Amino acid sequence: STGEPSVPLDIRLAGPDVVADSDTSAEVSLRISANDGTRVVDLTLVGLFVIPNDSPRFLVLNAPSILFGIARGLVSNMTALTNAGRLDLPSINIAEFVQKR
């Protein structure tokens, strides 16, 4: 398998949501659902991020980008072990996604 879906991959994101926060750190969650027509992947990642003093927008853009990158690796590695073959989540522009919310 090449890792390429046979049909267009339907990706849905929910979040980012700040689950808990303080002055210096925040817990951010991102839910990712993907469907390639034959299988569905649905996962939620939660990360604890230190907030830079000069950049509160870090949580809005960078935290979900980091979480999505981790999700891409997890999904690729886990699905590579299946008979259906590897499923690769595409790169996405998190800034565009956040602006559409």
C-alpha atoms as a PDB file:
ATOM      1  CA  SER A   1       0.000   0.000   0.000  1.00  0.00           C
ATOM      2  CA  THR A   2       1.231   3.485  -0.810  1.00  0.00           C
ATOM      3  CA  GLY A   3      -0.598   5.125   2.055  1.00  0.00           C
ATOM      4  CA  GLU A   4      -2.743   7.070  -0.390  1.00  0.00           C
ATOM      5  CA  PRO A   5      -6.508   6.772   0.200  1.00  0.00           C
ATOM      6  CA  SER A   6      -8.511   5.293  -2.672  1.00  0.00           C
ATOM      7  CA  VAL A   7     -11.211   7.932  -2.189  1.00  0.00           C
ATOM      8  CA  PRO A   8     -10.880  11.520  -0.959  1.00  0.00           C
ATOM      9  CA  LEU A   9     -10.107  11.598   2.742  1.00  0.00           C
ATOM     10  CA  ASP A  10     -12.729  13.345   4.861  1.00  0.00           C
ATOM     11  CA  ILE A  11     -10.955  15.170   7.724  1.00  0.00           C
ATOM     12  CA  ARG A  12     -12.867  16.881  10.525  1.00  0.00           C
ATOM     13  CA  LEU A  13     -11.272  18.852  13.335  1.00  0.00           C
ATOM     14  CA  ALA A  14     -12.872  19.991  16.566  1.00  0.00           C
ATOM     15  CA  GLY A  15     -11.062  22.409  18.797  1.00  0.00           C
ATOM     16  CA  PRO A  16      -8.637  23.618  19.737  1.00  0.00           C
ATOM     17  CA  ASP A  17     -10.174  23.856  23.170  1.00  0.00           C
ATOM     18  CA  VAL A  18      -8.380  25.094  26.260  1.00  0.00           C
ATOM     19  CA  VAL A  19      -9.273  22.452  28.827  1.00  0.00           C
ATOM     20  CA  ALA A  20      -7.494  24.056  31.791  1.00  0.00           C
ATOM     21  CA  ASP A  21      -5.186  27.016  32.045  1.00  0.00           C
ATOM     22  CA  SER A  22      -3.062  29.091  34.371  1.00  0.00           C
ATOM     23  CA  ASP A  23      -0.869  32.142  33.867  1.00  0.00           C
ATOM     24  CA  THR A  24       2.020  30.070  32.517  1.00  0.00           C
ATOM     25  CA  SER A  25       0.561  26.913  30.967  1.00  0.00           C
ATOM     26  CA  ALA A  26      -2.561  25.529  29.335  1.00  0.00           C
ATOM     27  CA  GLU A  27      -4.008  22.150  28.470  1.00  0.00           C
ATOM     28  CA  VAL A  28      -5.247  22.168  24.876  1.00  0.00           C
ATOM     29  CA  SER A  29      -7.340  19.444  23.228  1.00  0.00           C
ATOM     30  CA  LEU A  30      -7.868  18.744  19.532  1.00  0.00           C
ATOM     31  CA  ARG A  31     -10.246  16.114  18.126  1.00  0.00           C
ATOM     32  CA  ILE A  32      -9.481  14.623  14.727  1.00  0.00           C
ATOM     33  CA  SER A  33     -11.825  12.402  12.722  1.00  0.00           C
ATOM     34  CA  ALA A  34     -10.804  10.927   9.374  1.00  0.00           C
ATOM     35  CA  ASN A  35     -12.738   8.685   6.992  1.00  0.00           C
ATOM     36  CA  ASP A  36     -11.296   7.252   3.792  1.00  0.00           C
ATOM     37  CA  GLY A  37     -14.456   5.371   2.800  1.00  0.00           C
ATOM     38  CA  THR A  38     -13.363   2.034   4.267  1.00  0.00           C
ATOM     39  CA  ARG A  39     -12.258   2.957   7.769  1.00  0.00           C
ATOM     40  CA  VAL A  40     -12.732   5.686  10.324  1.00  0.00           C
ATOM     41  CA  VAL A  41     -10.139   7.136  12.675  1.00  0.00           C
ATOM     42  CA  ASP A  42     -11.375   9.238  15.581  1.00  0.00           C
ATOM     43  CA  LEU A  43      -8.981  10.495  18.230  1.00  0.00           C
ATOM     44  CA  THR A  44      -8.594  13.284  20.724  1.00  0.00           C
ATOM     45  CA  LEU A  45      -5.184  14.545  21.762  1.00  0.00           C
ATOM     46  CA  VAL A  46      -4.551  16.690  24.814  1.00  0.00           C
ATOM     47  CA  GLY A  47      -1.266  18.509  25.352  1.00  0.00           C
ATOM     48  CA  LEU A  48       0.096  20.642  28.157  1.00  0.00           C
ATOM     49  CA  PHE A  49       1.749  23.754  26.733  1.00  0.00           C
ATOM     50  CA  VAL A  50       3.830  26.452  28.394  1.00  0.00           C
ATOM     51  CA  ILE A  51       2.578  29.859  27.248  1.00  0.00           C
ATOM     52  CA  PRO A  52       5.305  32.252  26.082  1.00  0.00           C
ATOM     53  CA  ASN A  53       4.954  35.602  27.878  1.00  0.00           C
ATOM     54  CA  ASP A  54       5.080  37.566  24.646  1.00  0.00           C
ATOM     55  CA  SER A  55       2.758  35.344  22.578  1.00  0.00           C
ATOM     56  CA  PRO A  56      -0.702  34.432  23.866  1.00  0.00           C
ATOM     57  CA  ARG A  57      -1.673  33.511  20.270  1.00  0.00           C
ATOM     58  CA  PHE A  58       0.597  30.497  20.710  1.00  0.00           C
ATOM     59  CA  LEU A  59      -2.358  28.500  22.026  1.00  0.00           C
ATOM     60  CA  VAL A  60      -4.547  29.386  19.070  1.00  0.00           C
ATOM     61  CA  LEU A  61      -2.128  28.465  16.267  1.00  0.00           C
ATOM     62  CA  ASN A  62       0.933  26.574  17.444  1.00  0.00           C
ATOM     63  CA  ALA A  63      -0.600  24.220  20.001  1.00  0.00           C
ATOM     64  CA  PRO A  64      -3.112  22.673  17.549  1.00  0.00           C
ATOM     65  CA  SER A  65      -0.433  22.498  14.839  1.00  0.00           C
ATOM     66  CA  ILE A  66       1.803  20.524  17.187  1.00  0.00           C
ATOM     67  CA  LEU A  67      -1.048  18.232  18.227  1.00  0.00           C
ATOM     68  CA  PHE A  68      -2.085  17.610  14.607  1.00  0.00           C
ATOM     69  CA  GLY A  69       1.508  16.738  13.681  1.00  0.00           C
ATOM     70  CA  ILE A  70       1.591  14.166  16.476  1.00  0.00           C
ATOM     71  CA  ALA A  71      -1.764  12.769  15.325  1.00  0.00           C
ATOM     72  CA  ARG A  72      -0.455  12.365  11.762  1.00  0.00           C
ATOM     73  CA  GLY A  73       2.420  10.220  13.027  1.00  0.00           C
ATOM     74  CA  LEU A  74       0.226   8.139  15.326  1.00  0.00           C
ATOM     75  CA  VAL A  75      -2.390   7.421  12.659  1.00  0.00           C
ATOM     76  CA  SER A  76       0.233   6.559  10.046  1.00  0.00           C
ATOM     77  CA  ASN A  77       2.110   4.192  12.368  1.00  0.00           C
ATOM     78  CA  MET A  78      -0.978   2.469  13.781  1.00  0.00           C
ATOM     79  CA  THR A  79      -2.714   1.951  10.456  1.00  0.00           C
ATOM     80  CA  ALA A  80       0.500   0.667   8.834  1.00  0.00           C
ATOM     81  CA  LEU A  81       0.086  -2.433  11.006  1.00  0.00           C
ATOM     82  CA  THR A  82      -3.336  -3.250   9.539  1.00  0.00           C
ATOM     83  CA  ASN A  83      -4.260  -5.310   6.475  1.00  0.00           C
ATOM     84  CA  ALA A  84      -5.869  -2.207   4.941  1.00  0.00           C
ATOM     85  CA  GLY A  85      -2.500  -0.438   4.843  1.00  0.00           C
ATOM     86  CA  ARG A  86      -1.212   2.879   6.062  1.00  0.00           C
ATOM     87  CA  LEU A  87      -3.480   5.911   6.227  1.00  0.00           C
ATOM     88  CA  ASP A  88      -1.655   9.229   5.946  1.00  0.00           C
ATOM     89  CA  LEU A  89      -3.396  12.351   7.186  1.00  0.00           C
ATOM     90  CA  PRO A  90      -2.539  15.288   4.942  1.00  0.00           C
ATOM     91  CA  SER A  91      -0.811  18.437   6.137  1.00  0.00           C
ATOM     92  CA  ILE A  92      -3.330  21.184   6.820  1.00  0.00           C
ATOM     93  CA  ASN A  93      -3.123  24.909   7.354  1.00  0.00           C
ATOM     94  CA  ILE A  94      -4.169  25.309  10.999  1.00  0.00           C
ATOM     95  CA  ALA A  95      -4.319  29.119  10.665  1.00  0.00           C
ATOM     96  CA  GLU A  96      -6.987  28.762   7.947  1.00  0.00           C
ATOM     97  CA  PHE A  97      -8.905  26.245  10.042  1.00  0.00           C
ATOM     98  CA  VAL A  98      -8.866  28.484  13.127  1.00  0.00           C
ATOM     99  CA  GLN A  99      -9.971  31.539  11.106  1.00  0.00           C
ATOM    100  CA  LYS A 100     -12.978  29.603   9.732  1.00  0.00           C
ATOM    101  CA  ARG A 101     -14.174  28.699  13.243  1.00  0.00           C
END
